[in-house]
Amino acid sequence: MRHILIAALLAAAPAMALAQELPQFPKIAPPEPLPDAICDTAKPNDGQWLVGRWVAPQSRWEFTRSGSGITWTLDRKGSANSDFGWQDGTQIDGIADKVTGCTVHLTAGKGAFQFDGVLTEGGKLFGFATNRKGENVRFTLRRER
């Protein structure tokens, strides 16, 4: 009997160690971190890579040059993320506060909406929008076809 108990403990030890190495997830997952920038974010950039139309599920973004800056409009279709404060057909207009060769920081509504995004090597814009309550919505944007 003693040999069976010792064998069971020895067999369970690697499984317990493996379980301790698994990531421990909180009940409400925090937003995933943005990928690392693929460009030198210290170099000045006019943001031409951002200008145009981008799409994501249930949303369409349009970035236009306005004087020396970039303005944007987000058309949100459907009622997805109603907890974020969006209603069916929400439209948000704002400005690009900071643009580098591959990153962007957008704002609207005097800080009520903020978006930080990173252009990936595959040409997608991955980012997070945050509202005043600190709630986040993740976006993966691609160029409109």
Protein backbone atom coordinates (compact mmCIF):
# COMPACT_ATOMS: atom_id res chain seq x y z
CA MET A 1 0.00 0.00 0.00
CA ARG A 2 2.82 2.34 0.90
CA HIS A 3 4.47 1.74 -2.51
CA ILE A 4 1.23 2.63 -4.30
CA LEU A 5 0.92 5.89 -2.33
CA ILE A 6 4.53 6.85 -3.07
CA ALA A 7 4.09 6.01 -6.76
CA ALA A 8 0.90 8.11 -6.91
CA LEU A 9 2.63 11.10 -5.30
CA LEU A 10 5.60 10.82 -7.66
CA ALA A 11 3.27 10.63 -10.66
CA ALA A 12 1.27 13.65 -9.47
CA ALA A 13 4.32 15.87 -8.81
CA PRO A 14 5.02 16.73 -12.50
CA ALA A 15 1.33 17.40 -13.12
CA MET A 16 1.18 19.78 -10.13
CA ALA A 17 4.32 21.59 -11.34
CA LEU A 18 2.86 21.88 -14.83
CA ALA A 19 -0.39 23.31 -13.43
CA GLN A 20 1.59 25.98 -11.55
CA GLU A 21 3.25 27.05 -14.82
CA LEU A 22 -0.07 27.60 -16.61
CA PRO A 23 -1.18 31.24 -16.84
CA GLN A 24 -3.68 32.28 -14.22
CA PHE A 25 -6.46 34.32 -15.79
CA PRO A 26 -8.55 36.88 -13.88
CA LYS A 27 -12.32 36.57 -14.04
CA ILE A 28 -12.51 39.68 -16.24
CA ALA A 29 -9.66 39.66 -18.71
CA PRO A 30 -7.73 42.91 -19.03
CA PRO A 31 -7.17 44.21 -22.56
CA GLU A 32 -4.38 42.46 -24.37
CA PRO A 33 -1.23 44.56 -24.72
CA LEU A 34 -0.63 46.23 -28.05
CA PRO A 35 2.05 44.63 -30.22
CA ASP A 36 5.46 46.27 -30.31
CA ALA A 37 5.82 49.10 -32.80
CA ILE A 38 7.46 48.04 -36.08
CA CYS A 39 8.88 51.51 -36.71
CA ASP A 40 10.98 54.11 -34.95
CA THR A 41 8.28 56.03 -33.08
CA ALA A 42 10.71 58.88 -32.35
CA LYS A 43 10.94 59.86 -36.04
CA PRO A 44 8.46 62.48 -37.29
CA ASN A 45 5.76 61.20 -39.66
CA ASP A 46 2.88 62.92 -41.47
CA GLY A 47 0.55 59.92 -40.97
CA GLN A 48 -0.14 59.38 -44.66
CA TRP A 49 -0.27 55.62 -43.97
CA LEU A 50 -3.38 56.21 -41.85
CA VAL A 51 -5.36 58.36 -44.32
CA GLY A 52 -8.24 56.54 -46.01
CA ARG A 53 -10.92 54.05 -45.01
CA TRP A 54 -10.44 51.22 -42.53
CA VAL A 55 -12.99 48.61 -41.48
CA ALA A 56 -13.61 46.20 -38.61
CA PRO A 57 -16.65 44.09 -37.77
CA GLN A 58 -19.62 46.45 -37.35
CA SER A 59 -17.51 49.58 -37.80
CA ARG A 60 -16.04 51.76 -40.50
CA TRP A 61 -13.36 54.37 -39.85
CA GLU A 62 -12.40 57.19 -42.22
CA PHE A 63 -9.24 59.25 -41.74
CA THR A 64 -8.82 62.49 -43.70
CA ARG A 65 -6.17 65.16 -43.82
CA SER A 66 -7.47 68.43 -42.43
CA GLY A 67 -4.96 71.26 -42.63
CA SER A 68 -1.80 70.05 -40.94
CA GLY A 69 -3.57 67.33 -38.96
CA ILE A 70 -5.73 64.25 -39.41
CA THR A 71 -9.41 64.02 -38.48
CA TRP A 72 -11.39 60.80 -38.28
CA THR A 73 -14.96 59.49 -38.19
CA LEU A 74 -16.08 56.16 -36.76
CA ASP A 75 -19.42 54.78 -37.94
CA ARG A 76 -20.49 51.99 -35.60
CA LYS A 77 -23.24 49.70 -36.87
CA GLY A 78 -25.35 47.49 -34.65
CA SER A 79 -25.59 47.58 -30.90
CA ALA A 80 -22.39 45.69 -30.10
CA ASN A 81 -20.62 46.98 -27.00
CA SER A 82 -23.68 48.80 -25.67
CA ASP A 83 -21.98 48.70 -22.24
CA PHE A 84 -19.31 50.95 -23.75
CA GLY A 85 -21.98 53.61 -24.26
CA TRP A 86 -22.63 52.96 -27.94
CA GLN A 87 -26.11 52.80 -29.34
CA ASP A 88 -27.23 51.41 -32.68
CA GLY A 89 -25.61 53.51 -35.42
CA THR A 90 -23.24 55.54 -33.22
CA GLN A 91 -20.98 58.01 -35.05
CA ILE A 92 -17.91 59.55 -33.42
CA ASP A 93 -15.72 62.32 -34.88
CA GLY A 94 -12.30 63.21 -33.54
CA ILE A 95 -8.68 64.07 -34.22
CA ALA A 96 -5.40 62.19 -34.39
CA ASP A 97 -3.43 63.65 -31.49
CA LYS A 98 -0.22 61.79 -32.25
CA VAL A 99 0.83 59.84 -35.33
CA THR A 100 4.17 58.12 -35.93
CA GLY A 101 5.21 55.84 -38.77
CA CYS A 102 3.21 52.96 -37.26
CA THR A 103 1.33 54.17 -34.15
CA VAL A 104 -1.60 56.49 -33.54
CA HIS A 105 -3.39 58.09 -30.60
CA LEU A 106 -6.93 59.32 -31.34
CA THR A 107 -9.31 61.36 -29.18
CA ALA A 108 -12.89 62.56 -29.38
CA GLY A 109 -15.37 64.26 -27.08
CA LYS A 110 -12.80 66.06 -24.93
CA GLY A 111 -11.23 62.77 -23.88
CA ALA A 112 -14.47 60.79 -23.60
CA PHE A 113 -13.09 58.48 -26.31
CA GLN A 114 -9.42 57.59 -26.68
CA PHE A 115 -7.85 55.08 -29.02
CA ASP A 116 -4.29 53.79 -29.14
CA GLY A 117 -3.28 51.73 -32.14
CA VAL A 118 -0.28 50.03 -33.71
CA LEU A 119 0.14 49.15 -37.38
CA THR A 120 1.26 45.53 -37.76
CA GLU A 121 3.61 44.07 -40.35
CA GLY A 122 0.56 42.51 -42.01
CA GLY A 123 -0.94 45.97 -42.59
CA LYS A 124 -3.64 45.76 -39.92
CA LEU A 125 -4.22 48.43 -37.29
CA PHE A 126 -4.60 46.80 -33.89
CA GLY A 127 -5.81 48.98 -31.03
CA PHE A 128 -7.93 49.68 -28.00
CA ALA A 129 -10.56 52.34 -27.43
CA THR A 130 -11.16 53.52 -23.88
CA ASN A 131 -14.05 55.58 -22.51
CA ARG A 132 -14.12 57.83 -19.43
CA LYS A 133 -15.18 54.91 -17.23
CA GLY A 134 -12.02 53.04 -18.22
CA GLU A 135 -13.90 50.43 -20.24
CA ASN A 136 -12.06 49.06 -23.27
CA VAL A 137 -13.05 47.83 -26.70
CA ARG A 138 -10.51 46.07 -28.88
CA PHE A 139 -10.31 46.75 -32.62
CA THR A 140 -8.47 45.05 -35.46
CA LEU A 141 -8.83 47.33 -38.47
CA ARG A 142 -7.91 46.56 -42.06
CA ARG A 143 -7.98 48.71 -45.18
CA GLU A 144 -11.39 48.86 -46.84
CA ARG A 145 -11.39 46.89 -50.11
